[in-house]
Every structure is written in structure tokens, then in C-alpha cells.
Protein backbone atom coordinates (compact mmCIF):
# COMPACT_ATOMS: atom_id res chain seq x y z
CA MET A 1 4.01 8.36 -24.72
CA ALA A 2 1.26 8.61 -26.31
CA GLU A 3 -2.10 8.78 -24.96
CA GLY A 4 -3.30 5.77 -26.74
CA ARG A 5 -0.36 3.98 -24.37
CA ILE A 6 -1.62 5.83 -21.08
CA TRP A 7 -4.88 4.26 -21.48
CA ASP A 8 -3.13 0.97 -22.27
CA GLU A 9 -1.89 1.66 -18.87
CA VAL A 10 -5.29 1.73 -17.45
CA LEU A 11 -7.00 -1.23 -18.79
CA LYS A 12 -4.52 -2.86 -17.51
CA TYR A 13 -4.69 -1.76 -13.79
CA ALA A 14 -8.47 -1.38 -14.02
CA SER A 15 -8.63 -5.56 -15.39
CA PRO A 16 -7.82 -7.04 -11.72
CA VAL A 17 -9.79 -4.50 -9.96
CA LEU A 18 -13.25 -4.49 -12.00
CA GLY A 19 -12.69 -7.64 -13.97
CA GLU A 20 -11.88 -8.33 -17.76
CA GLN A 21 -15.69 -8.35 -18.71
CA VAL A 22 -16.07 -5.09 -17.21
CA VAL A 23 -13.06 -3.64 -18.90
CA GLU A 24 -13.71 -4.86 -22.26
CA THR A 25 -17.16 -3.78 -21.90
CA TRP A 26 -16.62 -0.25 -20.60
CA LEU A 27 -13.60 0.82 -20.62
CA LYS A 28 -11.79 -0.31 -23.54
CA PRO A 29 -14.24 1.82 -25.98
CA LEU A 30 -12.95 4.86 -24.49
CA SER A 31 -9.73 6.76 -25.26
CA VAL A 32 -7.95 9.62 -23.59
CA LYS A 33 -8.67 13.16 -25.81
CA GLU A 34 -6.15 15.27 -23.73
CA LEU A 35 -4.02 15.21 -20.95
CA ARG A 36 -2.98 18.85 -19.94
CA GLY A 37 -2.20 20.62 -16.41
CA ASP A 38 -4.81 19.31 -14.20
CA LEU A 39 -7.36 17.73 -16.74
CA ILE A 40 -7.91 14.69 -18.13
CA THR A 41 -10.43 14.40 -21.08
CA LEU A 42 -11.51 11.17 -21.68
CA SER A 43 -13.76 10.36 -24.95
CA ALA A 44 -16.43 8.32 -25.02
CA PRO A 45 -18.62 6.85 -28.24
CA ASN A 46 -22.26 7.58 -27.21
CA ARG A 47 -23.69 9.66 -24.13
CA PHE A 48 -24.63 5.88 -22.41
CA TYR A 49 -21.17 5.19 -22.00
CA LYS A 50 -20.72 8.55 -20.85
CA ASN A 51 -23.23 8.53 -17.74
CA TRP A 52 -22.42 4.79 -17.06
CA ILE A 53 -18.62 5.25 -16.86
CA GLU A 54 -19.32 8.28 -14.71
CA ASP A 55 -22.08 6.66 -12.21
CA LYS A 56 -20.51 3.35 -11.90
CA TYR A 57 -16.60 3.60 -12.73
CA LEU A 58 -15.20 7.21 -12.22
CA ASN A 59 -13.43 6.75 -9.23
CA THR A 60 -12.15 3.85 -9.75
CA ILE A 61 -10.01 5.73 -12.86
CA LYS A 62 -9.24 8.19 -11.38
CA LYS A 63 -7.47 6.10 -8.16
CA ILE A 64 -5.59 4.71 -10.87
CA PHE A 65 -4.43 7.33 -12.53
CA VAL A 66 -3.32 8.91 -8.95
CA GLU A 67 -1.88 5.62 -7.31
CA GLU A 68 -0.69 3.73 -10.61
CA LEU A 69 0.46 6.60 -13.09
CA SER A 70 0.90 9.50 -10.44
CA ILE A 71 -1.09 11.77 -12.43
CA ASP A 72 -3.31 13.62 -10.09
CA ALA A 73 -5.51 15.55 -12.14
CA ASP A 74 -9.81 15.67 -13.01
CA ILE A 75 -11.06 13.60 -15.13
CA ALA A 76 -13.97 14.91 -18.13
CA ILE A 77 -15.12 12.50 -20.75
CA GLU A 78 -17.00 13.77 -23.53
CA ILE A 79 -18.89 11.97 -26.23
CA SER A 80 -16.33 11.26 -29.62
CA ASN A 81 -17.45 13.64 -32.82
CA ASN A 82 -15.91 10.38 -34.99
CA ASN A 83 -19.12 8.58 -34.58
CA ILE A 84 -22.01 10.91 -35.76
CA GLU A 85 -24.30 7.49 -36.46
CA ALA A 86 -23.78 6.62 -33.13
CA LYS A 87 -24.58 10.08 -31.63
CA SER A 88 -27.76 10.83 -33.26
CA ASN A 89 -29.27 7.49 -32.40
CA GLU A 90 -27.68 7.53 -28.74
CA SER A 91 -30.92 7.39 -27.07
CA LEU A 92 -30.94 3.96 -28.70
CA VAL A 93 -28.40 1.99 -26.79
CA TYR A 94 -28.66 0.10 -24.34
CA VAL A 95 -26.01 -2.68 -23.27
CA ASN A 96 -27.51 -5.44 -20.58
CA PRO A 97 -23.81 -5.46 -18.50
CA GLU A 98 -25.42 -9.16 -17.52
CA ILE A 99 -25.33 -10.24 -20.81
CA ASN A 100 -22.49 -12.62 -22.20
CA ILE A 101 -20.73 -12.34 -18.61
CA PRO A 102 -19.57 -15.89 -18.55
CA LYS A 103 -20.35 -18.15 -15.84
CA PHE A 104 -16.50 -18.34 -14.47
CA SER A 105 -13.26 -16.02 -15.47
CA THR A 106 -10.24 -15.98 -14.04
CA ASN A 107 -9.99 -12.70 -13.52
CA LEU A 108 -5.82 -12.78 -14.39
CA ASN A 109 -4.16 -9.73 -16.04
CA LYS A 110 -2.12 -11.73 -18.41
CA GLN A 111 0.62 -8.50 -18.92
CA TYR A 112 1.60 -9.80 -15.37
CA THR A 113 3.82 -12.58 -16.27
CA PHE A 114 7.38 -13.90 -14.70
CA ASP A 115 9.16 -12.86 -17.78
CA ASN A 116 8.48 -9.29 -17.18
CA PHE A 117 9.61 -9.18 -13.05
CA VAL A 118 12.65 -8.02 -12.00
CA VAL A 119 13.95 -10.29 -9.56
CA GLY A 120 16.54 -9.17 -7.15
CA SER A 121 17.76 -9.68 -3.59
CA SER A 122 14.39 -8.72 -2.04
CA ASN A 123 12.03 -10.97 -3.76
CA GLN A 124 14.08 -13.50 -4.49
CA PHE A 125 12.62 -15.96 -1.86
CA ALA A 126 8.88 -15.23 -2.85
CA PHE A 127 9.78 -15.27 -6.45
CA SER A 128 11.66 -18.75 -5.99
CA ALA A 129 8.42 -19.89 -4.43
CA ALA A 130 5.99 -18.63 -6.74
CA SER A 131 7.74 -20.39 -9.74
CA ALA A 132 7.80 -23.66 -8.06
CA VAL A 133 4.05 -23.31 -7.59
CA ALA A 134 3.81 -21.94 -11.08
CA GLU A 135 5.74 -25.32 -11.76
CA GLY A 136 2.78 -27.53 -10.15
CA TYR A 137 4.67 -28.40 -7.03
CA PHE A 138 1.30 -27.90 -4.90
CA HIS A 139 1.50 -29.60 -1.80
CA THR A 140 4.71 -28.44 -1.60
CA TYR A 141 4.49 -24.56 -0.58
CA ASN A 142 0.69 -24.73 0.68
CA PRO A 143 -0.96 -21.99 2.02
CA LEU A 144 1.71 -19.61 0.22
CA PHE A 145 0.93 -16.82 1.93
CA ILE A 146 3.23 -13.85 0.43
CA TYR A 147 3.74 -10.47 2.15
CA GLY A 148 4.99 -6.68 1.27
CA GLY A 149 4.69 -3.40 1.18
CA VAL A 150 2.21 -1.68 -0.84
CA GLY A 151 3.83 -1.69 -5.09
CA LEU A 152 6.18 -3.86 -4.00
CA GLY A 153 4.61 -6.30 -6.55
CA LYS A 154 2.78 -9.15 -4.72
CA THR A 155 -0.38 -8.41 -7.44
CA HIS A 156 2.47 -9.00 -10.30
CA ILE A 157 3.24 -12.44 -8.65
CA MET A 158 0.02 -13.68 -8.12
CA HIS A 159 -1.10 -13.06 -11.23
CA ALA A 160 2.49 -14.51 -12.43
CA ILE A 161 1.44 -17.72 -11.04
CA GLY A 162 -1.99 -17.95 -12.58
CA ASN A 163 -0.78 -16.93 -15.73
CA LYS A 164 2.09 -20.03 -15.67
CA LEU A 165 -0.39 -22.28 -14.32
CA ILE A 166 -2.83 -21.59 -17.43
CA LYS A 167 -0.53 -22.24 -19.93
CA SER A 168 0.74 -25.40 -18.67
CA PHE A 169 -2.57 -27.05 -16.86
CA PRO A 170 -5.29 -25.01 -19.39
CA LYS A 171 -8.06 -27.65 -17.46
CA LEU A 172 -7.09 -26.18 -13.94
CA LYS A 173 -10.03 -23.92 -12.68
CA ILE A 174 -8.50 -20.97 -11.45
CA LEU A 175 -9.14 -17.67 -9.43
CA TYR A 176 -7.99 -14.76 -8.83
CA ILE A 177 -9.30 -12.22 -6.32
CA SER A 178 -9.21 -9.53 -4.00
CA SER A 179 -10.24 -9.82 -0.33
CA GLU A 180 -12.86 -6.36 -1.58
CA SER A 181 -14.58 -7.99 -4.57
CA PHE A 182 -14.73 -11.49 -2.22
CA THR A 183 -16.72 -8.96 0.37
CA ASN A 184 -18.51 -7.42 -1.93
CA GLU A 185 -19.67 -10.47 -3.76
CA MET A 186 -20.64 -12.02 -0.56
CA ILE A 187 -22.48 -8.85 0.45
CA TYR A 188 -24.64 -9.12 -3.22
CA SER A 189 -25.55 -12.56 -2.59
CA LEU A 190 -26.68 -12.85 1.06
CA LYS A 191 -28.99 -9.86 -0.62
CA SER A 192 -30.03 -12.25 -3.31
CA LYS A 193 -30.30 -14.85 -1.43
CA SER A 194 -27.95 -16.56 -3.37
CA MET A 195 -25.15 -17.92 -1.12
CA ASP A 196 -25.37 -21.51 -2.08
CA THR A 197 -24.30 -20.64 -5.74
CA PHE A 198 -21.62 -18.22 -4.05
CA ARG A 199 -19.99 -20.94 -1.92
CA ASP A 200 -19.86 -23.11 -4.74
CA LYS A 201 -17.91 -20.83 -6.50
CA TYR A 202 -15.34 -20.65 -4.61
CA ARG A 203 -15.71 -24.22 -2.99
CA ASN A 204 -14.73 -26.23 -6.87
CA ILE A 205 -11.55 -24.37 -8.02
CA ASP A 206 -8.31 -25.71 -8.39
CA VAL A 207 -6.33 -22.82 -7.45
CA LEU A 208 -7.24 -19.84 -5.44
CA LEU A 209 -5.43 -16.64 -5.55
CA PHE A 210 -6.35 -14.01 -2.34
CA ASP A 211 -5.26 -10.78 -2.96
CA ASP A 212 -4.60 -8.10 0.21
CA VAL A 213 -6.32 -10.50 3.15
CA GLN A 214 -5.65 -8.19 5.36
CA PHE A 215 -9.00 -5.93 4.42
CA LEU A 216 -11.09 -9.40 5.77
CA ALA A 217 -9.95 -8.42 9.65
CA GLY A 218 -12.50 -7.02 11.30
CA LYS A 219 -15.47 -8.10 8.84
CA THR A 220 -17.44 -10.73 10.69
CA ARG A 221 -19.07 -12.71 8.03
CA SER A 222 -16.28 -12.40 5.29
CA THR A 223 -14.12 -13.73 7.35
CA GLU A 224 -16.13 -16.65 8.53
CA GLU A 225 -16.93 -17.79 4.96
CA PHE A 226 -13.84 -17.35 3.81
CA PHE A 227 -12.30 -19.78 6.70
CA TYR A 228 -14.42 -22.18 5.14
CA THR A 229 -13.55 -21.77 1.73
CA PHE A 230 -9.78 -22.01 2.84
CA ASN A 231 -10.69 -25.78 4.89
CA THR A 232 -12.29 -26.63 2.22
CA LEU A 233 -9.77 -26.23 -0.48
CA TYR A 234 -7.24 -26.99 1.65
CA ASP A 235 -8.46 -30.37 2.63
CA GLU A 236 -9.21 -30.97 -0.95
CA GLN A 237 -5.47 -30.31 -1.84
CA LYS A 238 -6.32 -27.85 -3.53
CA GLN A 239 -3.32 -25.03 -4.28
CA ILE A 240 -3.91 -21.56 -2.43
CA ILE A 241 -1.84 -18.52 -2.87
CA ILE A 242 -2.49 -15.09 -0.14
CA THR A 243 -1.21 -11.87 -0.14
CA SER A 244 -1.19 -9.29 2.39
CA ASP A 245 0.71 -6.29 3.59
CA LYS A 246 1.96 -7.74 7.00
CA THR A 247 2.87 -11.42 8.37
CA PRO A 248 -0.26 -13.04 9.28
CA ASP A 249 0.57 -12.14 13.18
CA GLU A 250 0.85 -8.78 12.44
CA ILE A 251 -2.74 -8.60 10.91
CA PRO A 252 -4.74 -6.21 13.02
CA GLU A 253 -8.28 -8.10 14.02
CA MET A 254 -7.48 -10.97 11.97
CA GLU A 255 -9.21 -14.09 13.99
CA GLU A 256 -6.08 -16.23 15.48
CA ARG A 257 -8.00 -19.52 13.56
CA LEU A 258 -7.09 -17.68 9.77
CA THR A 259 -3.49 -16.60 10.94
CA SER A 260 -2.47 -20.18 12.01
CA ARG A 261 -3.83 -21.51 8.64
CA PHE A 262 -1.89 -19.40 7.00
CA ALA A 263 1.67 -20.64 8.78
CA TRP A 264 0.77 -24.02 7.50
CA GLY A 265 2.37 -23.60 4.34
CA LEU A 266 5.46 -20.94 3.73
CA ILE A 267 5.43 -17.40 4.48
CA ALA A 268 7.91 -15.35 1.67
CA ASP A 269 7.86 -11.80 2.21
CA ILE A 270 8.97 -8.82 -0.53
CA GLN A 271 11.12 -6.12 0.73
CA PRO A 272 11.64 -2.94 -0.92
CA PRO A 273 13.56 -2.67 -4.08
CA ASN A 274 17.55 -1.16 -3.77
CA ILE A 275 18.69 0.82 -6.30
CA GLU A 276 20.24 -1.36 -8.09
CA GLU A 277 16.94 -3.16 -8.47
CA LYS A 278 15.05 0.03 -9.14
CA THR A 279 16.69 1.12 -12.19
CA ALA A 280 16.76 -2.41 -13.51
CA ILE A 281 12.85 -2.67 -13.13
CA LEU A 282 12.86 0.72 -14.84
CA LEU A 283 15.04 -0.44 -17.44
CA LYS A 284 13.16 -3.61 -18.23
CA ARG A 285 9.46 -1.16 -17.75
CA ALA A 286 10.66 1.44 -20.55
CA GLU A 287 11.93 -2.25 -22.71
CA ILE A 288 8.49 -3.13 -22.65
CA MET A 289 6.57 0.47 -22.96
CA GLY A 290 8.88 1.27 -26.05
CA ILE A 291 10.51 4.11 -24.36
CA TYR A 292 14.28 4.95 -25.03
CA LEU A 293 15.51 5.33 -21.19
CA SER A 294 19.71 6.22 -20.26
CA ASP A 295 21.01 4.24 -18.04
CA GLU A 296 22.15 7.32 -16.64
CA LEU A 297 18.75 8.77 -15.85
CA ALA A 298 17.09 5.54 -14.98
CA LEU A 299 20.24 5.27 -12.22
CA PHE A 300 19.32 9.12 -11.23
CA LEU A 301 15.15 8.23 -10.95
CA ALA A 302 16.34 5.27 -8.50
CA GLU A 303 18.36 7.53 -6.58
CA ASN A 304 15.86 10.21 -6.17
CA LEU A 305 12.66 9.69 -7.00
CA LYS A 306 10.35 9.59 -3.26
CA GLY A 307 8.46 6.49 -2.17
CA ASP A 308 9.96 2.58 -2.34
CA ASN A 309 7.67 0.73 -4.39
CA VAL A 310 7.51 -0.30 -7.79
CA ARG A 311 4.12 1.34 -8.91
CA GLU A 312 5.55 4.67 -7.82
CA LEU A 313 8.56 3.88 -9.75
CA ILE A 314 6.46 3.17 -12.96
CA GLY A 315 3.67 5.66 -12.34
CA ALA A 316 6.60 8.51 -12.56
CA LEU A 317 8.18 7.00 -15.45
CA ILE A 318 5.21 7.00 -17.37
CA ARG A 319 4.41 10.54 -16.21
CA LEU A 320 8.12 11.68 -17.79
CA SER A 321 7.59 10.27 -21.21
CA ALA A 322 3.87 11.40 -21.09
CA TYR A 323 5.62 15.28 -20.82
CA ALA A 324 8.32 14.38 -22.76
CA SER A 325 5.99 13.53 -25.66
CA PHE A 326 3.20 16.71 -25.06
CA ASN A 327 6.46 19.02 -24.60
CA SER A 328 8.57 17.55 -27.74
CA GLU A 329 10.99 17.17 -25.48
CA PRO A 330 13.87 14.18 -25.18
CA LEU A 331 13.96 12.75 -22.06
CA SER A 332 16.76 13.57 -19.86
CA ILE A 333 18.04 14.34 -16.40
CA GLU A 334 17.47 17.86 -16.13
CA PHE A 335 13.93 17.64 -17.84
CA ALA A 336 12.96 15.23 -15.27
CA LYS A 337 14.09 17.19 -12.65
CA LYS A 338 11.93 19.89 -14.13
CA CYS A 339 8.46 17.60 -14.20
CA LEU A 340 9.07 15.49 -11.76
CA ASP A 341 9.97 18.17 -9.25
CA ARG A 342 7.19 17.55 -6.61
CA PHE A 343 8.09 13.52 -6.56
CA LEU A 344 11.88 13.59 -6.31
CA ILE A 345 13.60 13.94 -2.82
CA LYS A 346 14.15 17.17 -0.98
CA LYS A 347 17.80 17.07 -0.35
CA ASP A 348 18.02 20.35 1.78
CA LYS A 349 14.94 19.59 3.67
CA ILE A 350 15.47 20.49 7.26
CA ILE A 351 15.06 17.28 9.71
CA ASN A 352 14.46 16.90 13.61
CA PRO A 353 13.77 14.08 15.70
CA ASP A 354 9.79 14.69 15.34
CA THR A 355 10.24 13.90 11.82
CA ILE A 356 12.01 11.19 11.97
CA VAL A 357 9.79 9.16 14.73
CA GLU A 358 6.49 9.83 12.75
CA THR A 359 8.18 9.03 9.47
CA ILE A 360 8.90 5.76 11.79
CA CYS A 361 5.84 5.35 13.19
CA THR A 362 4.13 5.77 9.86
CA HIS A 363 6.43 3.08 8.13
CA PHE A 364 5.40 0.46 10.95
CA ASN A 365 1.90 1.37 11.19
CA VAL A 366 2.99 1.90 15.13
CA LYS A 367 1.81 4.65 17.86
CA MET A 368 3.92 6.73 19.21
CA SER A 369 2.82 5.32 22.84
CA GLU A 370 4.12 1.99 22.06
CA LEU A 371 7.38 2.80 21.37
CA LYS A 372 7.67 5.15 24.40
CA SER A 373 6.13 1.99 26.27
CA LYS A 374 8.07 -0.62 27.69
CA LYS A 375 6.54 -3.45 24.85
CA ARG A 376 9.45 -5.65 23.63
CA THR A 377 7.34 -7.01 20.71
CA LYS A 378 9.09 -7.90 17.66
CA SER A 379 6.46 -4.92 16.07
CA ILE A 380 7.34 -2.55 18.69
CA SER A 381 11.15 -3.08 19.66
CA LEU A 382 12.27 -3.18 15.77
CA PRO A 383 11.03 0.13 15.09
CA ARG A 384 12.20 1.81 18.47
CA GLN A 385 15.88 0.52 17.86
CA ILE A 386 15.65 1.83 14.31
CA ALA A 387 14.39 4.67 15.18
CA MET A 388 17.25 5.17 17.74
CA TYR A 389 19.74 4.18 14.85
CA ILE A 390 18.34 6.83 12.94
CA LEU A 391 18.47 9.59 15.22
CA ARG A 392 21.85 8.70 15.88
CA ASN A 393 23.11 8.54 12.63
CA LYS A 394 21.41 11.32 11.20
CA LEU A 395 20.90 13.89 13.97
CA ASN A 396 24.09 12.92 16.10
CA ILE A 397 22.11 13.23 19.36
CA SER A 398 23.56 12.22 22.45
CA LEU A 399 22.32 8.55 24.14
CA GLN A 400 20.66 10.37 26.78
CA GLU A 401 18.82 12.43 24.64
CA ILE A 402 17.37 9.95 22.60
CA GLY A 403 16.07 7.83 25.58
CA GLU A 404 14.19 10.86 26.57
CA ILE A 405 12.89 10.67 23.39
CA PHE A 406 11.26 6.69 23.97
CA GLY A 407 10.32 7.19 27.75
CA GLY A 408 13.06 7.91 29.56
CA ARG A 409 15.42 5.23 28.69
CA ASP A 410 19.03 4.76 30.22
CA HIS A 411 21.26 5.47 27.86
CA SER A 412 22.97 1.79 28.32
CA THR A 413 19.53 0.54 26.94
CA VAL A 414 19.67 3.08 23.67
CA LEU A 415 23.68 2.09 23.25
CA HIS A 416 22.46 -1.54 23.40
CA SER A 417 19.52 -0.66 20.60
CA LEU A 418 22.26 0.62 18.61
CA SER A 419 24.81 -2.31 18.44
CA GLN A 420 21.90 -4.39 18.34
CA ILE A 421 21.17 -2.75 14.61
CA GLU A 422 25.33 -1.80 13.81
CA SER A 423 25.64 -5.83 14.17
CA LYS A 424 22.65 -6.99 12.12
CA ILE A 425 23.37 -4.31 9.41
CA LYS A 426 26.38 -6.28 8.65
CA LYS A 427 24.70 -9.54 7.71
CA ASP A 428 21.38 -9.15 6.78
CA VAL A 429 20.96 -7.03 3.73
CA GLU A 430 16.97 -7.03 4.00
CA LEU A 431 17.36 -5.01 6.68
CA LYS A 432 20.31 -2.59 5.65
CA THR A 433 17.52 -2.00 2.89
CA LEU A 434 15.05 -0.70 5.13
CA ILE A 435 17.06 1.36 6.69
CA SER A 436 18.09 3.07 3.47
CA ASN A 437 14.50 3.07 2.23
CA ILE A 438 13.03 4.58 5.49
CA ASN A 439 15.55 7.38 5.06
CA LYS A 440 14.33 8.08 1.60
CA GLN A 441 10.85 8.60 3.34
CA ILE A 442 12.34 10.84 5.80
CA TYR A 443 13.74 13.20 3.29
CA LYS A 444 10.15 13.02 1.46
């Protein structure tokens, strides 16, 4: 992939994080000069841009390269030699970031649409609900609460709703905001004594798209402001769409008065994609990016890449395409094995009970002590049962040994847990996919 296309991907992911105005003013004038080994060299038009980017946005850019594009490298910024006049007068250049910033911006990323969202069994329910809201059925699903793991498409589908609404109802006032940006804006408003302006902005919109609400947990003042914003919008029958990595009742330290309101509407989940869906996602993204990707290579990547989320899939595809371009080699399975080695599942890895249990704990964000405890809540019992099932199937250890691992449980209790999972797998496609994806994590 050409350097320009890589930078276009960075701009796309930066837009919902930093805002369209920041991207247009500060990031768009930059370009990728070189990508070699562990160093990315960016080109800036003058020293002012270079200093400003290094001071304000370099960490965000690096994070996007790592998390979105799977390129872990240091970043250096050089001043372009193409603009001699700008370079000689760089001491005179000053751009005030406050100038020409509109009073209201949707913050929507126009590249996230329903047309380029791959639909499958893992996200069909959330997609259908989102499509209904995007058609204007506001009162049917309000609030719409979408939850799922990192990188599964929650943000994409949220922006898709906003973009479809803007197209169909151009007079609607729509706002996308992440919980982190909401909190930062509130803190600034407190310091500048402009809370009335802050409240007026958020309580006088028609559609609020609030991303990653779980990060409000434990932040008392931010939670309070969001609570009253939620109430105001809901009472005025304005549409609210919220995303989270967990169900409302599983978000730790989130106030009960908020979690109960999240359940007033519709709660929809997005699960990790299965092999067929991963293959379709890779082929669709390759088509959008103008990359030729054979069905065989797409299937190989879907079956062998570490991780379960869409973001990692696309990052690996971008990395593979970039390396093929730099080395003037065609995309092939052998080339993928060579340049994506550390991103592929190691199938010869030695697995023991600790490896499996630690993977389960990490995946479900639970502690080993909780799995060993007598707790029977779904958030603990399901991971425990899955761990027992995988231990039995992967390592073929005895029921008694499994019972000892989980606090000395009787073998009949273990047998019951195994029967429960085996029975559910036959009817629950999502559970089957979940266990398949956990097995992949074990072999990372």
C-alpha cells in the first residue's frame, strides 16, 4: 500500500478521536514520507506544524498506528523540503486553532456507513436495531444500547446511524462524542466557568451518539452531568444511542440510576465474528482500499490471525499490503506468513491449565479468586463453566483435577457444568463462536 493510503487510514481513525476540525487543520497537511522497520517518518509543511503535532497529537498518532493499523514503530517528523518559501518564512507562520471552528459539529466520520459494514450472525441484531433508528424510528428503541468487545464495530455502526440520519433528515442536530471527550470538555467548562454553554450544547440536540460509556464509571461529576443530559433528552423524546464494552449491569462502579435508564430501551450485542464473517470483512475492506486479495489468502488470515476483532484484522491487512508494496511482492499466503509472523497463531504452543484459566480471566475481566469462589452470578458462573469445558476438551484432564483447580469442587459439579455448556453450544451459535475465539486467544 502506498504511503498516502496509510495516512488516509490514520486520518480516518483520528477524526472521531480528535474531531474533524483538528484533523483538517493539523493532520491533513502531513504525509508519510517513509515507513521502514521500526521507524515511521512523517513530513510536515513547516516547523510550526512539526512542533505543534509533537506537542499535541503525536501520542494519538502513534496509538492509531499501533491499535488500528498494527504498526508498532517510533515516529519522527521532518520538515518538507518541497516548500522552500514556507520553510524560509516559518517563523512568521501562526495558525490559531480557535479560528473558524464552527460552534457545532456532528463529529461524524463519513467513511463509517451501513454500506461498508459487513453483517453476519455476530452482529445481525445490533445492525437491525441500528438500521431502524437510522430510518427515523426514534421512539421504538430509545435508548439504543449497543455492547461488545473492543474493535467489533460498535463505533462504526454508531457513526453509520448518524450519517444515515444526516442524509435523510438534514435538519436534525446530531452529535457524536466519546465519554473521554465529554469528560475533557466538561473539565474545561468547569475551569473556564462556562458550564451553561456546555449544558446548552448537549441538552439541545436531537440525536446523541455516546461512545464507550463505561469510561464514565467512577467519575462522579462526569456521571452526574451525563445523567441530567440523558434525562433531559429522554424527556424531550430525543434519540440516545450508547455503546459500551459490557452490558449495563456488568459495568463496574457505574451508578445504578444510570444503568437502570440504559435498560429502558433496547440492549443489543455485537459478538466476535466467526471465520466466514472475518473472511467477508477482509474481502470487503480490501475492495474498499483497492487491494487485490484472493479468497484463499483472506480465509488463511481469518483462520490464523491472533485476536478476534475487526480492527486487528484490518490493521493486519494494511500492514501486509504496505510490506508487499515496499518489497514489490505479490500478496500470497507464504508472504503473509513471513511478514505477519508475530500476528499469527502459534499452533505448536505448549498449553497447560494455568494458560487456559488465565486466558479466561483476561477475556471476561474476572479474577481467579472469583472463579474459585461460591459465586453463582452469570458474570462468574459462565466463565467458570467455559473454563472447565475447555480444560476438559483441550487437555483431557480428569473431572477431579478440574474440580481441584476451581476451589475443590466435587466431580459431579464439574460434570454438570460440562453438560450445561455442551447442551448450550448445540443451540447457541454465539456461545459456540465465543468459545472458538477464546481457544484462539489461548494459542496466541
